[in-house]
N, C-alpha and C. Protein backbone atom coordinates (compact mmCIF):
# COMPACT_ATOMS: atom_id res chain seq x y z
N UNK A 1 -46.96 -34.19 -2.07
CA UNK A 1 -47.61 -35.06 -1.12
C UNK A 1 -48.36 -34.19 -0.08
N UNK A 2 -49.55 -34.55 0.19
CA UNK A 2 -50.38 -33.84 1.16
C UNK A 2 -50.65 -34.73 2.40
N UNK A 3 -51.06 -34.10 3.48
CA UNK A 3 -51.31 -34.83 4.72
C UNK A 3 -52.32 -35.93 4.48
N UNK A 4 -53.30 -35.69 3.66
CA UNK A 4 -54.35 -36.67 3.46
C UNK A 4 -53.85 -37.89 2.70
N UNK A 5 -52.66 -37.81 2.10
CA UNK A 5 -52.09 -38.97 1.43
C UNK A 5 -51.53 -40.03 2.40
N UNK A 6 -51.35 -39.64 3.60
CA UNK A 6 -50.81 -40.56 4.65
C UNK A 6 -51.94 -41.35 5.23
N UNK A 7 -51.85 -42.64 5.40
CA UNK A 7 -52.94 -43.46 5.92
C UNK A 7 -53.33 -43.11 7.37
N UNK A 8 -52.45 -42.53 8.14
CA UNK A 8 -52.78 -42.23 9.51
C UNK A 8 -53.48 -40.88 9.69
N UNK A 9 -53.49 -40.07 8.70
CA UNK A 9 -54.01 -38.67 8.84
C UNK A 9 -55.48 -38.66 9.24
N UNK A 10 -56.37 -39.30 8.50
CA UNK A 10 -57.78 -39.24 8.80
C UNK A 10 -58.08 -39.88 10.16
N UNK A 11 -57.67 -41.09 10.43
CA UNK A 11 -58.03 -41.69 11.69
C UNK A 11 -57.45 -40.97 12.89
N UNK A 12 -56.26 -40.51 12.77
CA UNK A 12 -55.62 -39.83 13.93
C UNK A 12 -56.07 -38.39 14.06
N UNK A 13 -55.98 -37.62 12.98
CA UNK A 13 -56.26 -36.22 13.06
C UNK A 13 -57.79 -35.86 13.04
N UNK A 14 -58.45 -36.38 12.05
CA UNK A 14 -59.87 -36.02 11.94
C UNK A 14 -60.81 -36.82 12.82
N UNK A 15 -60.71 -38.12 12.72
CA UNK A 15 -61.56 -39.00 13.54
C UNK A 15 -61.18 -39.00 15.02
N UNK A 16 -59.90 -38.72 15.25
CA UNK A 16 -59.41 -38.64 16.62
C UNK A 16 -59.76 -37.33 17.31
N UNK A 17 -60.28 -36.38 16.62
CA UNK A 17 -60.75 -35.13 17.24
C UNK A 17 -59.66 -34.08 17.45
N UNK A 18 -58.51 -34.27 16.79
CA UNK A 18 -57.44 -33.30 16.93
C UNK A 18 -57.79 -31.90 16.41
N UNK A 19 -58.57 -31.85 15.37
CA UNK A 19 -58.98 -30.53 14.82
C UNK A 19 -59.78 -29.76 15.86
N UNK A 20 -60.66 -30.35 16.53
CA UNK A 20 -61.46 -29.69 17.56
C UNK A 20 -60.54 -29.20 18.69
N UNK A 21 -59.57 -29.99 19.05
CA UNK A 21 -58.65 -29.63 20.12
C UNK A 21 -57.89 -28.36 19.70
N UNK A 22 -57.40 -28.34 18.46
CA UNK A 22 -56.65 -27.22 17.97
C UNK A 22 -57.50 -25.98 17.89
N UNK A 23 -58.76 -26.09 17.51
CA UNK A 23 -59.66 -24.96 17.48
C UNK A 23 -59.90 -24.44 18.89
N UNK A 24 -59.98 -25.27 19.84
CA UNK A 24 -60.16 -24.81 21.25
C UNK A 24 -58.89 -24.15 21.73
N UNK A 25 -57.75 -24.70 21.37
CA UNK A 25 -56.48 -24.06 21.75
C UNK A 25 -56.32 -22.70 21.07
N UNK A 26 -56.80 -22.59 19.86
CA UNK A 26 -56.68 -21.31 19.14
C UNK A 26 -57.45 -20.22 19.92
N UNK A 27 -58.63 -20.49 20.37
CA UNK A 27 -59.42 -19.49 21.11
C UNK A 27 -58.68 -19.11 22.39
N UNK A 28 -58.14 -20.09 23.10
CA UNK A 28 -57.38 -19.78 24.35
C UNK A 28 -56.11 -19.04 24.03
N UNK A 29 -55.38 -19.43 22.99
CA UNK A 29 -54.14 -18.78 22.64
C UNK A 29 -54.40 -17.31 22.20
N UNK A 30 -55.51 -17.13 21.50
CA UNK A 30 -55.81 -15.78 21.01
C UNK A 30 -56.06 -14.88 22.23
N UNK A 31 -56.68 -15.37 23.21
CA UNK A 31 -56.93 -14.58 24.47
C UNK A 31 -55.57 -14.21 25.12
N UNK A 32 -54.67 -15.16 25.18
CA UNK A 32 -53.36 -14.93 25.73
C UNK A 32 -52.59 -13.90 24.89
N UNK A 33 -52.63 -14.07 23.58
CA UNK A 33 -51.97 -13.18 22.67
C UNK A 33 -52.42 -11.73 22.90
N UNK A 34 -53.73 -11.51 23.03
CA UNK A 34 -54.30 -10.21 23.20
C UNK A 34 -53.87 -9.57 24.53
N UNK A 35 -53.48 -10.40 25.53
CA UNK A 35 -53.11 -9.87 26.80
C UNK A 35 -51.66 -9.41 26.84
N UNK A 36 -50.88 -9.73 25.85
CA UNK A 36 -49.46 -9.38 25.86
C UNK A 36 -49.28 -7.91 25.45
N UNK A 37 -48.62 -7.19 26.25
CA UNK A 37 -48.38 -5.74 26.00
C UNK A 37 -47.11 -5.61 25.13
N UNK A 38 -47.30 -5.10 23.94
CA UNK A 38 -46.13 -4.98 23.04
C UNK A 38 -45.15 -3.93 23.53
N UNK A 39 -45.61 -3.05 24.34
CA UNK A 39 -44.70 -2.03 24.92
C UNK A 39 -43.76 -2.61 25.92
N UNK A 40 -44.22 -3.69 26.55
CA UNK A 40 -43.39 -4.39 27.59
C UNK A 40 -42.50 -5.42 26.97
N UNK A 41 -43.04 -6.17 26.03
CA UNK A 41 -42.27 -7.25 25.39
C UNK A 41 -42.64 -7.42 23.95
N UNK A 42 -42.04 -6.54 23.11
CA UNK A 42 -42.36 -6.54 21.68
C UNK A 42 -42.03 -7.87 21.00
N UNK A 43 -40.90 -8.48 21.33
CA UNK A 43 -40.52 -9.73 20.67
C UNK A 43 -41.54 -10.85 20.98
N UNK A 44 -41.95 -10.92 22.22
CA UNK A 44 -42.95 -11.93 22.60
C UNK A 44 -44.26 -11.67 21.84
N UNK A 45 -44.65 -10.42 21.71
CA UNK A 45 -45.89 -10.12 20.97
C UNK A 45 -45.76 -10.53 19.51
N UNK A 46 -44.63 -10.23 18.90
CA UNK A 46 -44.43 -10.58 17.48
C UNK A 46 -44.40 -12.08 17.26
N UNK A 47 -43.69 -12.78 18.11
CA UNK A 47 -43.61 -14.24 18.00
C UNK A 47 -44.97 -14.90 18.26
N UNK A 48 -45.71 -14.36 19.21
CA UNK A 48 -47.02 -14.86 19.48
C UNK A 48 -47.99 -14.62 18.32
N UNK A 49 -47.83 -13.50 17.68
CA UNK A 49 -48.65 -13.20 16.49
C UNK A 49 -48.35 -14.21 15.35
N UNK A 50 -47.05 -14.48 15.15
CA UNK A 50 -46.66 -15.47 14.15
C UNK A 50 -47.27 -16.81 14.42
N UNK A 51 -47.19 -17.22 15.73
CA UNK A 51 -47.74 -18.47 16.14
C UNK A 51 -49.24 -18.58 15.92
N UNK A 52 -49.89 -17.48 16.26
CA UNK A 52 -51.38 -17.46 16.07
C UNK A 52 -51.74 -17.51 14.60
N UNK A 53 -51.03 -16.85 13.79
CA UNK A 53 -51.25 -16.85 12.34
C UNK A 53 -51.08 -18.26 11.77
N UNK A 54 -49.96 -18.88 12.19
CA UNK A 54 -49.66 -20.26 11.72
C UNK A 54 -50.73 -21.23 12.14
N UNK A 55 -51.15 -21.14 13.39
CA UNK A 55 -52.19 -22.05 13.88
C UNK A 55 -53.48 -21.83 13.15
N UNK A 56 -53.83 -20.60 12.91
CA UNK A 56 -55.06 -20.28 12.17
C UNK A 56 -55.01 -20.87 10.79
N UNK A 57 -53.91 -20.65 10.09
CA UNK A 57 -53.78 -21.14 8.72
C UNK A 57 -53.81 -22.70 8.68
N UNK A 58 -53.14 -23.33 9.67
CA UNK A 58 -53.14 -24.78 9.74
C UNK A 58 -54.52 -25.37 9.93
N UNK A 59 -55.28 -24.76 10.82
CA UNK A 59 -56.67 -25.19 11.04
C UNK A 59 -57.48 -25.08 9.80
N UNK A 60 -57.33 -23.92 9.10
CA UNK A 60 -58.08 -23.74 7.82
C UNK A 60 -57.68 -24.82 6.83
N UNK A 61 -56.38 -25.13 6.72
CA UNK A 61 -55.91 -26.13 5.81
C UNK A 61 -56.46 -27.48 6.11
N UNK A 62 -56.48 -27.84 7.37
CA UNK A 62 -56.95 -29.15 7.77
C UNK A 62 -58.48 -29.26 7.52
N UNK A 63 -59.20 -28.18 7.65
CA UNK A 63 -60.63 -28.18 7.37
C UNK A 63 -60.92 -28.45 5.92
N UNK A 64 -60.03 -28.04 5.04
CA UNK A 64 -60.20 -28.28 3.59
C UNK A 64 -60.09 -29.74 3.23
N UNK A 65 -59.40 -30.51 4.09
CA UNK A 65 -59.31 -31.96 3.84
C UNK A 65 -60.64 -32.63 4.05
N UNK A 66 -61.51 -32.04 4.85
CA UNK A 66 -62.79 -32.68 5.13
C UNK A 66 -63.82 -32.42 4.01
N UNK A 67 -63.50 -31.53 3.09
CA UNK A 67 -64.46 -31.19 2.04
C UNK A 67 -64.32 -32.11 0.85
């Protein structure tokens, strides 16, 4: 089962503009991620990198639903 199989996906996520919001958040979060010094807080840097990667992949996945 995929997200697009649910009746609420398109109206809420795509037509509701959630993809655009996530893309804007990605740019902001990427800036925050780059400002984290791994020498000061390695765990925070690693967790932030995982979060950034997951967000990037999710955005790419949701864009494929529009094709």
